[in-house]
Amino acid sequence: MAFRNASVMEAGNITKFSEKECRLVVAGHTGSGKSAVVNTILGAKICTEGFGAGSVTEQAVLASRPRFGKEIHVVDTPGVFDSRPEMPEAKVRHELARAALLLAPGPHAILLTIAVGQRFSDEEKAVVHKLRVFFGEDSIRHTIVVFTKGDELVRNGVTIEEYLKSAPADLNSLINDVSYRYVVFNNKEPTIKGRDACAKSALDLVEKMARHNRTKHYSSDLFCHAEKQMVACDRETERPFRPKQQGGSSNSLDSLSTVPDDHLIVEISSILESEPSLVEETKVKEERTTAAKDHSALRELMGRLVRHVSRRKVANGNNNSIVESLMSSPFMLGLVPLLQANGDVKNNNN
């Protein structure tokens, strides 16, 4: 059953989202306003001017911040989804592998940015095609279109619905494919309240979509493989923080249910001392006291902190071994020829 945009659908609420963290991936053509979307969703100028633009980065970038009672993790996509110059095959596989690892066990939503007033060109259509190739055809059920530069609508005195009535057939076909899941961001919104309203409208739609799909997040063989790699990374990340047990043995993420609460508290404190910025990027500040009274909450909190540090290692290039492992997976090796068919990838490793 298709459902229409946020104003028509049954209301959703990100604060009622079933998970404590929300993983998003932002994709779009150069100039479509991806950086503005990332900054608005995270409620801070996390992205510098040009973030996600071809002149600045050709790699997957992770940004995180607590918002509306949830930990929001946003991954900006690499150049292979964009209109940048051809990328060597090895570079394509490397950046797609990094993106998959940063999003593991899978994104809750794919945010596709399209600028109001710009022609829905072949470049935009190519982004949509590449996303479907990489994430899989079923990923369209987890895609939300974010119309940026909504100030153009205000300036011309038209609604988004009126705008779509005169839009190209290909754009309306895309809107139909995503079951009319779309929101509008005003890039020139001057107030914090207005920007927060934009962010919440998008995140509320993520919650509605998850409820409608009856699934927590999008998954595929690629993300299952990526999650296995990240679990292994989590074990290595956690090891230095483990309190020593009797006989010199150490705790394991696999057996946290048997670890005493006081040991878990020590481990959480050690992680935060090592990575103090986690206080700003997670909900640990507000959860720490409450979790200390609940063993399962302590385990869950520590697991999220460990995963956050593991993601940082991947994002900062400090754990290339798991990136290289995923690069060599059958899925990734089979993906590049599909992209090469569109001329998006150089057929060499230089």
Protein backbone atom coordinates (compact mmCIF):
# COMPACT_ATOMS: atom_id res chain seq x y z
CA MET A 1 0.00 0.00 0.00
CA ALA A 2 1.50 3.31 -1.08
CA PHE A 3 1.30 6.32 1.17
CA ARG A 4 1.68 9.97 0.33
CA ASN A 5 3.74 12.76 1.81
CA ALA A 6 4.14 13.69 5.45
CA SER A 7 1.16 16.05 5.51
CA VAL A 8 -1.24 13.34 4.30
CA MET A 9 0.14 10.24 6.00
CA GLU A 10 -0.72 9.09 9.49
CA ALA A 11 1.58 11.10 11.73
CA GLY A 12 4.87 9.60 12.84
CA ASN A 13 7.27 10.57 15.59
CA ILE A 14 11.02 9.99 15.64
CA THR A 15 10.94 9.93 19.44
CA LYS A 16 8.93 6.71 19.16
CA PHE A 17 11.49 5.11 16.85
CA SER A 18 12.11 1.54 17.96
CA GLU A 19 15.92 1.89 18.07
CA LYS A 20 18.15 4.26 20.00
CA GLU A 21 20.19 5.15 16.95
CA CYS A 22 19.11 6.11 13.45
CA ARG A 23 21.48 5.54 10.52
CA LEU A 24 20.97 7.63 7.40
CA VAL A 25 22.76 7.82 4.07
CA VAL A 26 22.52 11.01 2.00
CA ALA A 27 22.96 10.85 -1.76
CA GLY A 28 22.41 13.31 -4.55
CA HIS A 29 23.83 15.09 -7.57
CA THR A 30 26.49 17.77 -7.03
CA GLY A 31 24.76 21.02 -6.11
CA SER A 32 21.62 19.34 -4.81
CA GLY A 33 22.19 20.63 -1.26
CA LYS A 34 23.47 17.53 0.52
CA SER A 35 25.58 19.53 2.98
CA ALA A 36 22.60 21.67 3.95
CA VAL A 37 20.54 18.53 4.56
CA VAL A 38 23.25 16.99 6.75
CA ASN A 39 23.64 20.19 8.79
CA THR A 40 19.90 20.64 9.20
CA ILE A 41 19.30 17.06 10.30
CA LEU A 42 22.15 17.18 12.80
CA GLY A 43 21.22 20.67 14.02
CA ALA A 44 24.73 22.06 13.70
CA LYS A 45 27.18 23.19 11.05
CA ILE A 46 28.92 19.83 11.02
CA CYS A 47 29.69 20.04 7.32
CA THR A 48 31.92 22.78 5.99
CA GLU A 49 31.03 24.51 2.75
CA GLY A 50 31.45 22.08 -0.10
CA PHE A 51 31.03 18.98 2.10
CA GLY A 52 30.11 16.23 -0.34
CA ALA A 53 31.08 18.31 -3.36
CA GLY A 54 33.49 16.96 -5.94
CA SER A 55 36.18 19.53 -5.15
CA VAL A 56 36.27 18.53 -1.47
CA THR A 57 35.78 14.80 -1.00
CA GLU A 58 35.53 11.59 -2.93
CA GLN A 59 35.09 9.42 0.13
CA ALA A 60 32.28 8.36 2.44
CA VAL A 61 32.07 10.72 5.42
CA LEU A 62 30.40 10.02 8.78
CA ALA A 63 28.83 12.66 11.04
CA SER A 64 26.96 11.94 14.30
CA ARG A 65 24.95 13.86 16.88
CA PRO A 66 22.09 13.21 19.33
CA ARG A 67 18.78 14.67 18.13
CA PHE A 68 15.18 14.32 19.28
CA GLY A 69 16.10 11.63 21.80
CA LYS A 70 18.00 9.48 19.28
CA GLU A 71 21.59 9.12 18.14
CA ILE A 72 21.61 10.23 14.50
CA HIS A 73 24.43 8.95 12.27
CA VAL A 74 24.62 10.40 8.76
CA VAL A 75 26.88 9.05 6.00
CA ASP A 76 27.55 11.26 3.00
CA THR A 77 28.15 9.14 -0.06
CA PRO A 78 31.28 8.90 -2.22
CA GLY A 79 31.72 10.20 -5.76
CA VAL A 80 30.54 7.04 -7.47
CA PHE A 81 26.92 8.08 -6.80
CA ASP A 82 27.60 11.53 -8.17
CA SER A 83 28.64 13.19 -11.43
CA ARG A 84 32.32 13.53 -10.64
CA PRO A 85 35.06 12.47 -13.04
CA GLU A 86 35.59 8.77 -13.58
CA MET A 87 37.03 6.96 -10.58
CA PRO A 88 39.40 3.99 -10.75
CA GLU A 89 37.81 0.63 -9.97
CA ALA A 90 39.82 0.12 -6.78
CA LYS A 91 38.75 3.56 -5.50
CA VAL A 92 35.09 2.79 -6.21
CA ARG A 93 35.20 -0.51 -4.33
CA HIS A 94 37.14 1.08 -1.45
CA GLU A 95 34.66 3.91 -0.90
CA LEU A 96 31.57 1.74 -1.34
CA ALA A 97 33.03 -0.72 1.17
CA ARG A 98 33.66 2.12 3.65
CA ALA A 99 30.10 3.37 3.21
CA ALA A 100 28.66 -0.11 3.81
CA LEU A 101 30.76 -0.57 6.96
CA LEU A 102 29.80 2.85 8.34
CA LEU A 103 26.11 2.02 7.78
CA ALA A 104 26.23 -1.58 9.08
CA PRO A 105 24.02 -3.43 9.85
CA GLY A 106 22.13 -1.27 7.34
CA PRO A 107 20.67 2.22 6.89
CA HIS A 108 17.27 3.09 8.29
CA ALA A 109 16.73 5.41 5.35
CA ILE A 110 18.31 6.58 2.11
CA LEU A 111 17.82 10.33 1.71
CA LEU A 112 17.93 11.31 -1.96
CA THR A 113 18.44 15.06 -2.38
CA ILE A 114 16.91 16.87 -5.36
CA ALA A 115 17.03 20.66 -5.71
CA VAL A 116 13.78 22.48 -6.45
CA GLY A 117 13.93 24.43 -9.69
CA GLN A 118 16.71 22.39 -11.27
CA ARG A 119 16.03 20.21 -14.28
CA PHE A 120 15.71 16.50 -13.44
CA SER A 121 18.63 15.74 -15.72
CA ASP A 122 20.43 12.60 -16.79
CA GLU A 123 22.86 13.17 -13.90
CA GLU A 124 20.04 12.96 -11.32
CA LYS A 125 18.64 9.89 -13.04
CA ALA A 126 22.10 8.31 -12.93
CA VAL A 127 22.31 8.86 -9.16
CA VAL A 128 18.99 7.02 -8.72
CA HIS A 129 20.18 4.18 -10.93
CA LYS A 130 23.50 3.80 -9.10
CA LEU A 131 21.77 3.75 -5.72
CA ARG A 132 19.55 0.91 -6.91
CA VAL A 133 22.54 -0.99 -8.28
CA PHE A 134 24.50 -0.63 -5.03
CA PHE A 135 21.75 -1.02 -2.44
CA GLY A 136 19.45 -3.29 -4.45
CA GLU A 137 16.06 -2.74 -6.07
CA ASP A 138 14.24 -3.24 -2.76
CA SER A 139 16.08 -0.24 -1.32
CA ILE A 140 13.49 2.01 -2.96
CA ARG A 141 11.15 0.97 -0.12
CA HIS A 142 13.60 2.66 2.26
CA THR A 143 14.18 5.82 0.20
CA ILE A 144 12.91 9.32 0.99
CA VAL A 145 13.25 12.22 -1.46
CA VAL A 146 14.41 15.44 0.18
CA PHE A 147 13.61 18.47 -1.95
CA THR A 148 16.17 21.15 -1.13
CA LYS A 149 16.03 24.87 -1.90
CA GLY A 150 12.41 24.98 -0.80
CA ASP A 151 12.82 28.73 -0.56
CA GLU A 152 12.32 28.73 -4.33
CA LEU A 153 8.79 27.44 -3.76
CA VAL A 154 8.14 30.22 -1.25
CA ARG A 155 9.56 32.84 -3.59
CA ASN A 156 7.29 31.67 -6.43
CA GLY A 157 4.25 31.19 -4.19
CA VAL A 158 3.69 27.52 -5.05
CA THR A 159 3.38 24.36 -2.97
CA ILE A 160 5.46 21.25 -3.56
CA GLU A 161 2.34 19.49 -4.84
CA GLU A 162 1.78 22.25 -7.41
CA TYR A 163 5.44 22.09 -8.36
CA LEU A 164 5.25 18.34 -8.96
CA LYS A 165 2.20 18.71 -11.19
CA SER A 166 4.33 20.54 -13.73
CA ALA A 167 7.52 18.48 -13.10
CA PRO A 168 8.95 16.04 -15.68
CA ALA A 169 7.36 12.61 -15.93
CA ASP A 170 10.61 10.96 -14.78
CA LEU A 171 10.58 12.91 -11.51
CA ASN A 172 6.94 12.06 -10.86
CA SER A 173 7.72 8.43 -11.65
CA LEU A 174 10.45 8.51 -8.98
CA ILE A 175 8.05 10.06 -6.46
CA ASN A 176 5.60 7.26 -7.22
CA ASP A 177 8.36 4.65 -6.83
CA VAL A 178 9.15 5.93 -3.32
CA SER A 179 5.44 5.83 -2.45
CA TYR A 180 5.22 9.63 -2.21
CA ARG A 181 7.70 9.82 0.67
CA TYR A 182 9.15 13.30 0.35
CA VAL A 183 9.91 16.35 2.47
CA VAL A 184 10.95 19.90 1.63
CA PHE A 185 13.93 21.70 3.17
CA ASN A 186 14.21 25.48 3.02
CA ASN A 187 17.92 26.15 2.58
CA LYS A 188 17.49 29.78 3.62
CA GLU A 189 15.41 29.15 6.75
CA PRO A 190 16.77 31.80 9.18
CA THR A 191 15.52 30.38 12.49
CA ILE A 192 16.68 27.42 14.54
CA LYS A 193 13.03 26.53 15.17
CA GLY A 194 12.35 26.40 11.44
CA ARG A 195 15.44 24.29 10.70
CA ASP A 196 14.58 21.93 13.54
CA ALA A 197 11.08 21.56 12.10
CA CYS A 198 12.60 20.55 8.75
CA ALA A 199 14.85 18.00 10.45
CA LYS A 200 12.04 16.52 12.49
CA SER A 201 9.76 16.24 9.46
CA ALA A 202 12.40 14.09 7.73
CA LEU A 203 13.12 11.98 10.81
CA ASP A 204 9.42 11.54 11.55
CA LEU A 205 9.04 10.23 8.01
CA VAL A 206 11.86 7.75 8.66
CA GLU A 207 9.92 6.45 11.67
CA LYS A 208 6.71 6.16 9.61
CA MET A 209 8.53 4.35 6.84
CA ALA A 210 10.10 1.86 9.24
CA ARG A 211 6.72 1.21 10.82
CA HIS A 212 5.10 0.81 7.39
CA ASN A 213 7.84 -1.56 6.17
CA ARG A 214 7.69 -3.50 9.45
CA THR A 215 11.46 -3.62 9.55
CA LYS A 216 14.05 -1.82 11.63
CA HIS A 217 16.46 -1.03 8.80
CA TYR A 218 17.32 -1.95 5.25
CA SER A 219 19.45 -5.05 4.88
CA SER A 220 21.06 -7.04 2.11
CA ASP A 221 23.80 -9.63 1.65
CA LEU A 222 26.31 -6.79 1.47
CA PHE A 223 25.22 -5.28 4.80
CA CYS A 224 25.12 -8.71 6.46
CA HIS A 225 28.73 -9.22 5.39
CA ALA A 226 29.64 -5.69 6.50
CA GLU A 227 28.06 -6.27 9.92
CA LYS A 228 30.14 -9.43 10.44
CA GLN A 229 33.25 -7.38 9.72
CA MET A 230 32.16 -4.64 12.13
CA VAL A 231 31.44 -7.15 14.90
CA ALA A 232 35.03 -8.37 14.56
CA CYS A 233 36.18 -4.74 14.64
CA ASP A 234 34.09 -4.18 17.79
CA ARG A 235 35.92 -7.00 19.58
CA GLU A 236 39.29 -5.45 18.75
CA THR A 237 38.04 -2.00 19.75
CA GLU A 238 36.75 -3.18 23.11
CA ARG A 239 39.72 -5.34 24.11
CA PRO A 240 42.00 -2.55 25.46
CA PHE A 241 39.23 -1.32 27.76
CA ARG A 242 38.40 -4.66 29.38
CA PRO A 243 38.93 -5.01 33.14
CA LYS A 244 41.05 -8.09 33.81
CA GLN A 245 39.22 -11.09 35.24
CA GLN A 246 40.57 -13.80 37.55
CA GLY A 247 43.44 -15.73 36.04
CA GLY A 248 44.27 -12.87 33.67
CA SER A 249 41.40 -13.57 31.27
CA SER A 250 39.37 -10.71 29.81
CA ASN A 251 35.76 -9.92 29.08
CA SER A 252 34.31 -10.37 25.62
CA LEU A 253 31.52 -8.64 23.78
CA ASP A 254 30.09 -12.12 23.25
CA SER A 255 29.67 -12.67 26.99
CA LEU A 256 28.71 -9.27 28.39
CA SER A 257 25.70 -10.83 30.10
CA THR A 258 28.09 -12.45 32.58
CA VAL A 259 30.17 -9.31 33.22
CA PRO A 260 29.46 -7.64 36.58
CA ASP A 261 27.86 -4.21 36.41
CA ASP A 262 30.79 -2.53 38.16
CA HIS A 263 33.13 -3.87 35.46
CA LEU A 264 30.84 -2.56 32.72
CA ILE A 265 30.78 0.87 34.39
CA VAL A 266 34.59 0.88 34.53
CA GLU A 267 34.78 -0.09 30.87
CA ILE A 268 32.34 2.64 29.81
CA SER A 269 34.33 5.20 31.80
CA SER A 270 37.56 4.06 30.15
CA ILE A 271 36.05 4.40 26.67
CA LEU A 272 34.80 7.92 27.42
CA GLU A 273 38.17 8.96 28.83
CA SER A 274 39.82 7.71 25.66
CA GLU A 275 37.19 9.26 23.35
CA PRO A 276 35.83 12.33 25.19
CA SER A 277 33.98 13.67 22.13
CA LEU A 278 31.61 10.70 22.36
CA VAL A 279 29.76 12.69 25.01
CA GLU A 280 28.74 15.18 22.31
CA GLU A 281 28.07 12.60 19.60
CA THR A 282 26.00 10.09 21.60
CA LYS A 283 23.31 10.01 24.29
CA VAL A 284 25.71 8.62 26.90
CA LYS A 285 25.51 11.75 29.06
CA GLU A 286 21.80 11.30 29.71
CA GLU A 287 21.79 7.49 29.73
CA ARG A 288 24.80 6.79 31.91
CA THR A 289 23.17 7.30 35.31
CA THR A 290 19.98 5.43 34.43
CA ALA A 291 21.86 2.57 32.76
CA ALA A 292 23.97 2.06 35.90
CA LYS A 293 20.84 0.63 37.56
CA ASP A 294 19.98 -1.75 34.72
CA HIS A 295 22.38 -4.47 33.57
CA SER A 296 20.82 -4.89 30.13
CA ALA A 297 20.87 -1.12 29.59
CA LEU A 298 24.55 -1.03 30.57
CA ARG A 299 25.36 -3.76 28.05
CA GLU A 300 23.41 -1.99 25.32
CA LEU A 301 25.06 1.36 26.05
CA MET A 302 28.55 -0.09 26.02
CA GLY A 303 27.84 -1.94 22.78
CA ARG A 304 26.78 1.31 21.11
CA LEU A 305 29.85 3.16 22.39
CA VAL A 306 32.16 0.43 21.13
CA ARG A 307 30.46 0.46 17.72
CA HIS A 308 30.77 4.24 17.58
CA VAL A 309 34.54 3.98 18.13
CA SER A 310 34.74 1.20 15.53
CA ARG A 311 32.97 3.40 12.99
CA ARG A 312 35.46 6.17 13.71
CA LYS A 313 38.34 3.82 12.94
CA VAL A 314 36.81 3.00 9.56
CA ALA A 315 35.93 6.63 8.83
CA ASN A 316 39.45 7.84 9.73
CA GLY A 317 41.21 5.12 7.76
CA ASN A 318 42.57 3.40 10.89
CA ASN A 319 41.16 -0.03 10.05
CA ASN A 320 41.76 -0.59 6.35
CA SER A 321 42.00 -4.36 6.77
CA ILE A 322 38.22 -4.81 7.09
CA VAL A 323 37.66 -2.32 4.26
CA GLU A 324 39.96 -4.36 2.03
CA SER A 325 38.22 -7.56 3.07
CA LEU A 326 34.82 -6.19 2.07
CA MET A 327 36.29 -4.80 -1.15
CA SER A 328 37.18 -8.36 -2.12
CA SER A 329 33.72 -9.77 -1.41
CA PRO A 330 31.88 -11.41 -4.34
CA PHE A 331 29.17 -8.73 -4.21
CA MET A 332 31.65 -5.87 -4.52
CA LEU A 333 33.61 -7.56 -7.28
CA GLY A 334 30.38 -8.11 -9.18
CA LEU A 335 29.17 -4.56 -8.61
CA VAL A 336 31.89 -2.66 -10.43
CA PRO A 337 31.15 -4.14 -13.89
CA LEU A 338 27.56 -2.90 -13.52
CA LEU A 339 28.85 0.61 -12.86
CA GLN A 340 31.39 0.30 -15.66
CA ALA A 341 28.53 -0.38 -18.04
CA ASN A 342 27.43 3.21 -17.46
CA GLY A 343 30.94 4.59 -17.89
CA ASP A 344 31.13 5.57 -14.23
CA VAL A 345 34.29 3.66 -13.41
CA LYS A 346 37.68 3.43 -15.03
CA ASN A 347 38.55 -0.11 -15.99
CA ASN A 348 41.91 -0.03 -14.22
CA ASN A 349 43.35 0.35 -10.75
CA ASN A 350 45.40 3.45 -11.34
